[in-house]
Amino acid sequence: MENKLKLYGFNNLTKTLSFNIYDICYANTVREQGDYIAYIDEQYNSDRLTDILKHVTDMIGAKVISVSKQDYDPQGASVTILIAEEYKIPTAHKGETILAHLDKSHITVHTYPEYHPDNSIATFRVDIDVATCGEITPLKTLDYLIGSFDSDIITMDYRVRGFTRDIDGKKLFIDHNITSIQDYVDKKTLEKYDAVDINVYQANIFHTKLLIKDIDLQNYLFKSDVYELAPKTRLNITNSLRREMIEIFSGTNIY
């Protein structure tokens, strides 16, 4: 078990985990594209997103303070949950403590379904932010969040801000060891992706991007059967999907 730091007062560090998750799909006709958007809106409506975020709250040992959720027209949904960590304040009376809540933490999610008007590629993006104050850290939720969505490209940012103090008054700018976000992702999950890190250790900023390695075309066809397509058509669709993924992963258009 990791030895906990002895602090003066409670932990003032802010730990923020930001996610961008992309799911790519091939929807051939205007009707299929509309049906895909409707499917995503139903599959990831604000009620389901709320359930996911509440589970994240349980995983990091926090308490839900309030929930705000919204489904949008024509598409998309948002959920914001304020959360709190419990901590104990010792009192002057022997054997007594005061239990308080540090309610400066939150979890948010926003969805962005969209489709390309010319090449039949539809993209579903999810933005998730988990910001915590105190001892709790959002890193333990990584595998659950990745598994909760069909994740073809994942961009993750983790940052520790502010400082806390030990019992001698020395400033502590981070309270746990970390060299890469990948260290907190299950190895079986990482095997499915190509990964790139960009880290600024002096500023406690960590950045990881994941790109799915293999494309099983059937999993990317919306309401179509891969065996109904000619081999050349399959190849063209696969190349279009891969190009879309590489552009999103690299942040650069391929001409």
C-alpha atoms as a PDB file:
ATOM      1  CA  MET A   1       0.000   0.000   0.000  1.00  0.00           C
ATOM      2  CA  GLU A   2       1.325   3.456  -0.919  1.00  0.00           C
ATOM      3  CA  ASN A   3       2.262   5.611   2.072  1.00  0.00           C
ATOM      4  CA  LYS A   4       0.038   8.680   2.264  1.00  0.00           C
ATOM      5  CA  LEU A   5       1.625  12.091   2.563  1.00  0.00           C
ATOM      6  CA  LYS A   6       1.144  13.830   5.881  1.00  0.00           C
ATOM      7  CA  LEU A   7      -0.374  17.193   5.069  1.00  0.00           C
ATOM      8  CA  TYR A   8      -1.113  20.392   6.879  1.00  0.00           C
ATOM      9  CA  GLY A   9      -4.895  20.719   6.582  1.00  0.00           C
ATOM     10  CA  PHE A  10      -6.574  19.156   3.552  1.00  0.00           C
ATOM     11  CA  ASN A  11      -5.206  18.568   0.054  1.00  0.00           C
ATOM     12  CA  ASN A  12      -5.546  21.693  -2.129  1.00  0.00           C
ATOM     13  CA  LEU A  13      -4.277  20.136  -5.374  1.00  0.00           C
ATOM     14  CA  THR A  14      -6.604  20.162  -8.384  1.00  0.00           C
ATOM     15  CA  LYS A  15      -6.351  17.128 -10.683  1.00  0.00           C
ATOM     16  CA  THR A  16      -8.071  17.405 -14.047  1.00  0.00           C
ATOM     17  CA  LEU A  17      -8.543  14.610 -16.583  1.00  0.00           C
ATOM     18  CA  SER A  18      -9.878  15.647 -20.000  1.00  0.00           C
ATOM     19  CA  PHE A  19     -11.036  13.145 -22.622  1.00  0.00           C
ATOM     20  CA  ASN A  20     -11.893  13.404 -26.276  1.00  0.00           C
ATOM     21  CA  ILE A  21     -13.292  10.127 -27.609  1.00  0.00           C
ATOM     22  CA  TYR A  22     -14.173   9.621 -31.276  1.00  0.00           C
ATOM     23  CA  ASP A  23     -16.290   6.862 -32.832  1.00  0.00           C
ATOM     24  CA  ILE A  24     -16.163   6.675 -36.639  1.00  0.00           C
ATOM     25  CA  CYS A  25     -18.889   5.102 -38.805  1.00  0.00           C
ATOM     26  CA  TYR A  26     -19.704   4.681 -42.500  1.00  0.00           C
ATOM     27  CA  ALA A  27     -23.281   5.677 -43.352  1.00  0.00           C
ATOM     28  CA  ASN A  28     -23.797   5.497 -47.088  1.00  0.00           C
ATOM     29  CA  THR A  29     -27.027   7.433 -47.727  1.00  0.00           C
ATOM     30  CA  VAL A  30     -28.631  10.572 -46.337  1.00  0.00           C
ATOM     31  CA  ARG A  31     -31.229   8.392 -44.647  1.00  0.00           C
ATOM     32  CA  GLU A  32     -28.549   6.184 -43.077  1.00  0.00           C
ATOM     33  CA  GLN A  33     -26.735   9.269 -41.838  1.00  0.00           C
ATOM     34  CA  GLY A  34     -29.928  10.565 -40.247  1.00  0.00           C
ATOM     35  CA  ASP A  35     -30.608   7.161 -38.724  1.00  0.00           C
ATOM     36  CA  TYR A  36     -27.060   7.042 -37.344  1.00  0.00           C
ATOM     37  CA  ILE A  37     -27.461  10.418 -35.634  1.00  0.00           C
ATOM     38  CA  ALA A  38     -30.796   9.279 -34.184  1.00  0.00           C
ATOM     39  CA  TYR A  39     -29.199   6.024 -32.977  1.00  0.00           C
ATOM     40  CA  ILE A  40     -26.346   7.868 -31.261  1.00  0.00           C
ATOM     41  CA  ASP A  41     -28.755  10.321 -29.638  1.00  0.00           C
ATOM     42  CA  GLU A  42     -30.746   7.432 -28.222  1.00  0.00           C
ATOM     43  CA  GLN A  43     -27.735   5.321 -27.261  1.00  0.00           C
ATOM     44  CA  TYR A  44     -25.957   8.182 -25.502  1.00  0.00           C
ATOM     45  CA  ASN A  45     -28.800  10.368 -24.259  1.00  0.00           C
ATOM     46  CA  SER A  46     -28.422  12.471 -21.121  1.00  0.00           C
ATOM     47  CA  ASP A  47     -29.929   9.766 -18.884  1.00  0.00           C
ATOM     48  CA  ARG A  48     -27.348   7.161 -19.907  1.00  0.00           C
ATOM     49  CA  LEU A  49     -24.534   9.703 -19.713  1.00  0.00           C
ATOM     50  CA  THR A  50     -25.676  10.571 -16.191  1.00  0.00           C
ATOM     51  CA  ASP A  51     -25.466   6.896 -15.204  1.00  0.00           C
ATOM     52  CA  ILE A  52     -21.918   6.703 -16.592  1.00  0.00           C
ATOM     53  CA  LEU A  53     -20.800   9.796 -14.688  1.00  0.00           C
ATOM     54  CA  LYS A  54     -22.412   8.627 -11.457  1.00  0.00           C
ATOM     55  CA  HIS A  55     -20.461   5.388 -11.760  1.00  0.00           C
ATOM     56  CA  VAL A  56     -17.278   7.424 -12.272  1.00  0.00           C
ATOM     57  CA  THR A  57     -18.124   9.333  -9.094  1.00  0.00           C
ATOM     58  CA  ASP A  58     -18.455   6.061  -7.180  1.00  0.00           C
ATOM     59  CA  MET A  59     -15.159   4.788  -8.599  1.00  0.00           C
ATOM     60  CA  ILE A  60     -13.179   7.763  -7.296  1.00  0.00           C
ATOM     61  CA  GLY A  61     -14.864   7.621  -3.900  1.00  0.00           C
ATOM     62  CA  ALA A  62     -16.704  10.929  -4.194  1.00  0.00           C
ATOM     63  CA  LYS A  63     -20.287  12.004  -3.490  1.00  0.00           C
ATOM     64  CA  VAL A  64     -22.796  13.511  -5.936  1.00  0.00           C
ATOM     65  CA  ILE A  65     -23.892  17.001  -4.854  1.00  0.00           C
ATOM     66  CA  SER A  66     -26.043  17.976  -7.839  1.00  0.00           C
ATOM     67  CA  VAL A  67     -26.811  16.909 -11.429  1.00  0.00           C
ATOM     68  CA  SER A  68     -27.679  19.062 -14.446  1.00  0.00           C
ATOM     69  CA  LYS A  69     -28.463  17.365 -17.767  1.00  0.00           C
ATOM     70  CA  GLN A  70     -29.772  18.372 -21.184  1.00  0.00           C
ATOM     71  CA  ASP A  71     -30.600  16.742 -24.536  1.00  0.00           C
ATOM     72  CA  TYR A  72     -30.314  19.045 -27.548  1.00  0.00           C
ATOM     73  CA  ASP A  73     -32.241  19.515 -30.783  1.00  0.00           C
ATOM     74  CA  PRO A  74     -31.220  18.456 -33.418  1.00  0.00           C
ATOM     75  CA  GLN A  75     -28.575  16.296 -31.675  1.00  0.00           C
ATOM     76  CA  GLY A  76     -26.201  15.951 -28.749  1.00  0.00           C
ATOM     77  CA  ALA A  77     -26.437  15.898 -24.974  1.00  0.00           C
ATOM     78  CA  SER A  78     -24.658  17.362 -21.936  1.00  0.00           C
ATOM     79  CA  VAL A  79     -24.395  16.409 -18.276  1.00  0.00           C
ATOM     80  CA  THR A  80     -22.663  18.217 -15.409  1.00  0.00           C
ATOM     81  CA  ILE A  81     -22.303  16.684 -11.949  1.00  0.00           C
ATOM     82  CA  LEU A  82     -20.892  18.541  -8.950  1.00  0.00           C
ATOM     83  CA  ILE A  83     -19.092  16.126  -6.674  1.00  0.00           C
ATOM     84  CA  ALA A  84     -17.451  16.289  -3.257  1.00  0.00           C
ATOM     85  CA  GLU A  85     -14.766  14.406  -1.406  1.00  0.00           C
ATOM     86  CA  GLU A  86     -15.237  13.698   2.286  1.00  0.00           C
ATOM     87  CA  TYR A  87     -12.386  14.578   4.601  1.00  0.00           C
ATOM     88  CA  LYS A  88     -11.986  14.638   8.379  1.00  0.00           C
ATOM     89  CA  ILE A  89     -10.880  17.633  10.421  1.00  0.00           C
ATOM     90  CA  PRO A  90      -9.424  16.798  13.841  1.00  0.00           C
ATOM     91  CA  THR A  91     -10.784  18.860  16.761  1.00  0.00           C
ATOM     92  CA  ALA A  92      -9.355  19.880  20.098  1.00  0.00           C
ATOM     93  CA  HIS A  93     -11.567  17.315  21.844  1.00  0.00           C
ATOM     94  CA  LYS A  94      -9.922  13.944  22.194  1.00  0.00           C
ATOM     95  CA  GLY A  95     -11.474  11.250  20.040  1.00  0.00           C
ATOM     96  CA  GLU A  96     -13.734  13.578  18.058  1.00  0.00           C
ATOM     97  CA  THR A  97     -13.580  14.584  14.396  1.00  0.00           C
ATOM     98  CA  ILE A  98     -15.660  16.722  12.072  1.00  0.00           C
ATOM     99  CA  LEU A  99     -16.667  15.256   8.694  1.00  0.00           C
ATOM    100  CA  ALA A 100     -16.809  17.856   5.921  1.00  0.00           C
ATOM    101  CA  HIS A 101     -17.229  17.956   2.145  1.00  0.00           C
ATOM    102  CA  LEU A 102     -14.787  19.523  -0.288  1.00  0.00           C
ATOM    103  CA  ASP A 103     -17.259  20.545  -3.002  1.00  0.00           C
ATOM    104  CA  LYS A 104     -14.879  22.050  -5.568  1.00  0.00           C
ATOM    105  CA  SER A 105     -14.973  19.131  -7.968  1.00  0.00           C
ATOM    106  CA  HIS A 106     -17.068  18.310 -11.019  1.00  0.00           C
ATOM    107  CA  ILE A 107     -17.566  15.909 -13.915  1.00  0.00           C
ATOM    108  CA  THR A 108     -18.934  16.999 -17.286  1.00  0.00           C
ATOM    109  CA  VAL A 109     -19.727  15.285 -20.576  1.00  0.00           C
ATOM    110  CA  HIS A 110     -20.797  16.708 -23.942  1.00  0.00           C
ATOM    111  CA  THR A 111     -21.571  14.765 -27.130  1.00  0.00           C
ATOM    112  CA  TYR A 112     -21.169  15.932 -30.731  1.00  0.00           C
ATOM    113  CA  PRO A 113     -22.608  13.630 -33.435  1.00  0.00           C
ATOM    114  CA  GLU A 114     -21.938  14.810 -37.004  1.00  0.00           C
ATOM    115  CA  TYR A 115     -21.437  13.485 -40.524  1.00  0.00           C
ATOM    116  CA  HIS A 116     -19.489  14.424 -43.633  1.00  0.00           C
ATOM    117  CA  PRO A 117     -21.801  15.621 -46.440  1.00  0.00           C
ATOM    118  CA  ASP A 118     -19.678  14.152 -49.239  1.00  0.00           C
ATOM    119  CA  ASN A 119     -17.886  10.951 -48.213  1.00  0.00           C
ATOM    120  CA  SER A 120     -20.484   9.138 -46.041  1.00  0.00           C
ATOM    121  CA  ILE A 121     -18.282   9.271 -42.912  1.00  0.00           C
ATOM    122  CA  ALA A 122     -20.094   9.971 -39.639  1.00  0.00           C
ATOM    123  CA  THR A 123     -18.225  10.939 -36.485  1.00  0.00           C
ATOM    124  CA  PHE A 124     -19.405  10.803 -32.891  1.00  0.00           C
ATOM    125  CA  ARG A 125     -17.293  12.824 -30.435  1.00  0.00           C
ATOM    126  CA  VAL A 126     -17.548  12.751 -26.652  1.00  0.00           C
ATOM    127  CA  ASP A 127     -15.809  15.296 -24.417  1.00  0.00           C
ATOM    128  CA  ILE A 128     -15.406  14.320 -20.761  1.00  0.00           C
ATOM    129  CA  ASP A 129     -13.790  16.366 -17.993  1.00  0.00           C
ATOM    130  CA  VAL A 130     -13.208  15.104 -14.464  1.00  0.00           C
ATOM    131  CA  ALA A 131     -11.841  17.750 -12.091  1.00  0.00           C
ATOM    132  CA  THR A 132     -11.140  16.800  -8.476  1.00  0.00           C
ATOM    133  CA  CYS A 133      -9.759  18.543  -5.437  1.00  0.00           C
ATOM    134  CA  GLY A 134      -8.186  16.642  -2.579  1.00  0.00           C
ATOM    135  CA  GLU A 135      -6.838  13.111  -2.382  1.00  0.00           C
ATOM    136  CA  ILE A 136      -9.098  11.552  -5.002  1.00  0.00           C
ATOM    137  CA  THR A 137      -7.755  11.181  -8.548  1.00  0.00           C
ATOM    138  CA  PRO A 138      -9.690  10.527 -11.778  1.00  0.00           C
ATOM    139  CA  LEU A 139      -6.955   8.321 -13.289  1.00  0.00           C
ATOM    140  CA  LYS A 140      -8.501   5.107 -11.942  1.00  0.00           C
ATOM    141  CA  THR A 141     -11.557   5.677 -14.174  1.00  0.00           C
ATOM    142  CA  LEU A 142      -9.648   5.464 -17.475  1.00  0.00           C
ATOM    143  CA  ASP A 143     -10.481   1.885 -18.453  1.00  0.00           C
ATOM    144  CA  TYR A 144     -14.145   2.275 -17.528  1.00  0.00           C
ATOM    145  CA  LEU A 145     -14.530   5.456 -19.598  1.00  0.00           C
ATOM    146  CA  ILE A 146     -12.740   3.989 -22.621  1.00  0.00           C
ATOM    147  CA  GLY A 147     -14.926   0.878 -22.416  1.00  0.00           C
ATOM    148  CA  SER A 148     -18.149   2.889 -22.064  1.00  0.00           C
ATOM    149  CA  PHE A 149     -17.864   4.185 -25.630  1.00  0.00           C
ATOM    150  CA  ASP A 150     -16.806   2.773 -29.015  1.00  0.00           C
ATOM    151  CA  SER A 151     -13.424   4.469 -28.979  1.00  0.00           C
ATOM    152  CA  ASP A 152     -11.456   4.692 -32.242  1.00  0.00           C
ATOM    153  CA  ILE A 153      -9.397   7.750 -31.317  1.00  0.00           C
ATOM    154  CA  ILE A 154      -8.813   8.879 -27.745  1.00  0.00           C
ATOM    155  CA  THR A 155      -7.111  12.091 -26.662  1.00  0.00           C
ATOM    156  CA  MET A 156      -6.370  12.375 -22.940  1.00  0.00           C
ATOM    157  CA  ASP A 157      -4.965  15.282 -20.946  1.00  0.00           C
ATOM    158  CA  TYR A 158      -4.112  15.097 -17.250  1.00  0.00           C
ATOM    159  CA  ARG A 159      -2.910  18.068 -15.237  1.00  0.00           C
ATOM    160  CA  VAL A 160      -2.194  18.695 -11.570  1.00  0.00           C
ATOM    161  CA  ARG A 161      -2.536  22.358 -10.566  1.00  0.00           C
ATOM    162  CA  GLY A 162      -1.958  24.415  -7.457  1.00  0.00           C
ATOM    163  CA  PHE A 163      -0.111  23.220  -4.373  1.00  0.00           C
ATOM    164  CA  THR A 164      -0.717  21.800  -0.931  1.00  0.00           C
ATOM    165  CA  ARG A 165       1.567  21.708   2.108  1.00  0.00           C
ATOM    166  CA  ASP A 166       3.088  18.992   4.218  1.00  0.00           C
ATOM    167  CA  ILE A 167       3.079  19.189   8.016  1.00  0.00           C
ATOM    168  CA  ASP A 168       6.329  21.218   7.935  1.00  0.00           C
ATOM    169  CA  GLY A 169       4.793  23.820   5.624  1.00  0.00           C
ATOM    170  CA  LYS A 170       6.720  22.736   2.497  1.00  0.00           C
ATOM    171  CA  LYS A 171       4.799  23.221  -0.757  1.00  0.00           C
ATOM    172  CA  LEU A 172       3.881  20.046  -2.664  1.00  0.00           C
ATOM    173  CA  PHE A 173       2.966  20.521  -6.321  1.00  0.00           C
ATOM    174  CA  ILE A 174       2.020  16.864  -6.909  1.00  0.00           C
ATOM    175  CA  ASP A 175       1.120  14.103  -4.451  1.00  0.00           C
ATOM    176  CA  HIS A 176       1.591  10.956  -6.565  1.00  0.00           C
ATOM    177  CA  ASN A 177       4.103   9.477  -8.990  1.00  0.00           C
ATOM    178  CA  ILE A 178       3.225   9.575 -12.697  1.00  0.00           C
ATOM    179  CA  THR A 179       5.348   9.347 -15.835  1.00  0.00           C
ATOM    180  CA  SER A 180       2.576   8.703 -18.395  1.00  0.00           C
ATOM    181  CA  ILE A 181      -1.201   8.423 -18.571  1.00  0.00           C
ATOM    182  CA  GLN A 182      -0.596   5.058 -20.248  1.00  0.00           C
ATOM    183  CA  ASP A 183       0.550   3.664 -16.895  1.00  0.00           C
ATOM    184  CA  TYR A 184      -3.062   3.866 -15.739  1.00  0.00           C
ATOM    185  CA  VAL A 185      -4.597   2.116 -18.758  1.00  0.00           C
ATOM    186  CA  ASP A 186      -4.956  -1.665 -18.795  1.00  0.00           C
ATOM    187  CA  LYS A 187      -2.318  -3.358 -20.966  1.00  0.00           C
ATOM    188  CA  LYS A 188      -4.976  -5.300 -22.906  1.00  0.00           C
ATOM    189  CA  THR A 189      -6.616  -2.004 -23.806  1.00  0.00           C
ATOM    190  CA  LEU A 190      -3.321  -0.444 -24.895  1.00  0.00           C
ATOM    191  CA  GLU A 191      -2.583  -3.410 -27.180  1.00  0.00           C
ATOM    192  CA  LYS A 192      -5.510  -2.331 -29.391  1.00  0.00           C
ATOM    193  CA  TYR A 193      -4.062   1.139 -30.023  1.00  0.00           C
ATOM    194  CA  ASP A 194      -1.040   3.007 -31.315  1.00  0.00           C
ATOM    195  CA  ALA A 195      -0.098   5.498 -28.611  1.00  0.00           C
ATOM    196  CA  VAL A 196       1.786   8.810 -28.508  1.00  0.00           C
ATOM    197  CA  ASP A 197       2.797  10.776 -25.396  1.00  0.00           C
ATOM    198  CA  ILE A 198       3.584  14.488 -25.100  1.00  0.00           C
ATOM    199  CA  ASN A 199       4.419  15.274 -21.474  1.00  0.00           C
ATOM    200  CA  VAL A 200       5.663  18.415 -19.701  1.00  0.00           C
ATOM    201  CA  TYR A 201       6.885  17.009 -16.413  1.00  0.00           C
ATOM    202  CA  GLN A 202       8.042  20.343 -14.990  1.00  0.00           C
ATOM    203  CA  ALA A 203       4.472  21.661 -15.263  1.00  0.00           C
ATOM    204  CA  ASN A 204       2.737  18.394 -14.265  1.00  0.00           C
ATOM    205  CA  ILE A 205       1.040  18.219 -17.677  1.00  0.00           C
ATOM    206  CA  PHE A 206       0.530  14.818 -19.326  1.00  0.00           C
ATOM    207  CA  HIS A 207      -0.924  14.157 -22.785  1.00  0.00           C
ATOM    208  CA  THR A 208      -1.633  10.831 -24.502  1.00  0.00           C
ATOM    209  CA  LYS A 209      -3.267  10.036 -27.859  1.00  0.00           C
ATOM    210  CA  LEU A 210      -4.515   6.596 -28.893  1.00  0.00           C
ATOM    211  CA  LEU A 211      -5.420   5.417 -32.421  1.00  0.00           C
ATOM    212  CA  ILE A 212      -7.140   2.078 -33.018  1.00  0.00           C
ATOM    213  CA  LYS A 213      -4.820  -0.339 -34.844  1.00  0.00           C
ATOM    214  CA  ASP A 214      -7.193  -2.676 -36.677  1.00  0.00           C
ATOM    215  CA  ILE A 215     -10.344  -1.909 -38.647  1.00  0.00           C
ATOM    216  CA  ASP A 216     -12.929  -4.684 -38.884  1.00  0.00           C
ATOM    217  CA  LEU A 217     -15.034  -3.102 -41.604  1.00  0.00           C
ATOM    218  CA  GLN A 218     -18.288  -4.734 -40.521  1.00  0.00           C
ATOM    219  CA  ASN A 219     -18.080  -2.896 -37.188  1.00  0.00           C
ATOM    220  CA  TYR A 220     -17.998   0.429 -39.037  1.00  0.00           C
ATOM    221  CA  LEU A 221     -20.888  -0.125 -41.443  1.00  0.00           C
ATOM    222  CA  PHE A 222     -24.229   1.281 -40.324  1.00  0.00           C
ATOM    223  CA  LYS A 223     -27.122  -0.922 -41.503  1.00  0.00           C
ATOM    224  CA  SER A 224     -24.966  -2.578 -44.195  1.00  0.00           C
ATOM    225  CA  ASP A 225     -23.389  -6.007 -44.596  1.00  0.00           C
ATOM    226  CA  VAL A 226     -19.735  -6.108 -45.611  1.00  0.00           C
ATOM    227  CA  TYR A 227     -20.324  -9.190 -47.801  1.00  0.00           C
ATOM    228  CA  GLU A 228     -22.804  -7.256 -49.936  1.00  0.00           C
ATOM    229  CA  LEU A 229     -20.012  -4.919 -51.027  1.00  0.00           C
ATOM    230  CA  ALA A 230     -17.569  -5.498 -53.860  1.00  0.00           C
ATOM    231  CA  PRO A 231     -13.922  -5.978 -52.789  1.00  0.00           C
ATOM    232  CA  LYS A 232     -12.876  -2.643 -54.311  1.00  0.00           C
ATOM    233  CA  THR A 233     -15.712  -0.853 -52.502  1.00  0.00           C
ATOM    234  CA  ARG A 234     -14.644  -2.430 -49.196  1.00  0.00           C
ATOM    235  CA  LEU A 235     -11.096  -1.213 -49.772  1.00  0.00           C
ATOM    236  CA  ASN A 236     -12.233   2.316 -50.622  1.00  0.00           C
ATOM    237  CA  ILE A 237     -14.427   2.512 -47.528  1.00  0.00           C
ATOM    238  CA  THR A 238     -11.663   1.158 -45.309  1.00  0.00           C
ATOM    239  CA  ASN A 239      -9.231   3.725 -46.724  1.00  0.00           C
ATOM    240  CA  SER A 240     -11.768   6.521 -46.114  1.00  0.00           C
ATOM    241  CA  LEU A 241     -12.269   5.415 -42.512  1.00  0.00           C
ATOM    242  CA  ARG A 242      -8.532   5.181 -41.888  1.00  0.00           C
ATOM    243  CA  ARG A 243      -7.945   8.592 -43.441  1.00  0.00           C
ATOM    244  CA  GLU A 244     -10.612  10.137 -41.206  1.00  0.00           C
ATOM    245  CA  MET A 245      -9.032   8.560 -38.129  1.00  0.00           C
ATOM    246  CA  ILE A 246      -5.499   9.674 -39.027  1.00  0.00           C
ATOM    247  CA  GLU A 247      -6.656  13.247 -39.638  1.00  0.00           C
ATOM    248  CA  ILE A 248      -8.385  13.404 -36.262  1.00  0.00           C
ATOM    249  CA  PHE A 249      -5.461  11.707 -34.503  1.00  0.00           C
ATOM    250  CA  SER A 250      -2.847  13.999 -36.046  1.00  0.00           C
ATOM    251  CA  GLY A 251      -4.950  17.169 -36.127  1.00  0.00           C
ATOM    252  CA  THR A 252      -3.991  17.620 -39.778  1.00  0.00           C
ATOM    253  CA  ASN A 253      -5.975  17.389 -43.020  1.00  0.00           C
ATOM    254  CA  ILE A 254      -4.625  14.916 -45.578  1.00  0.00           C
ATOM    255  CA  TYR A 255      -4.909  16.223 -49.134  1.00  0.00           C
END
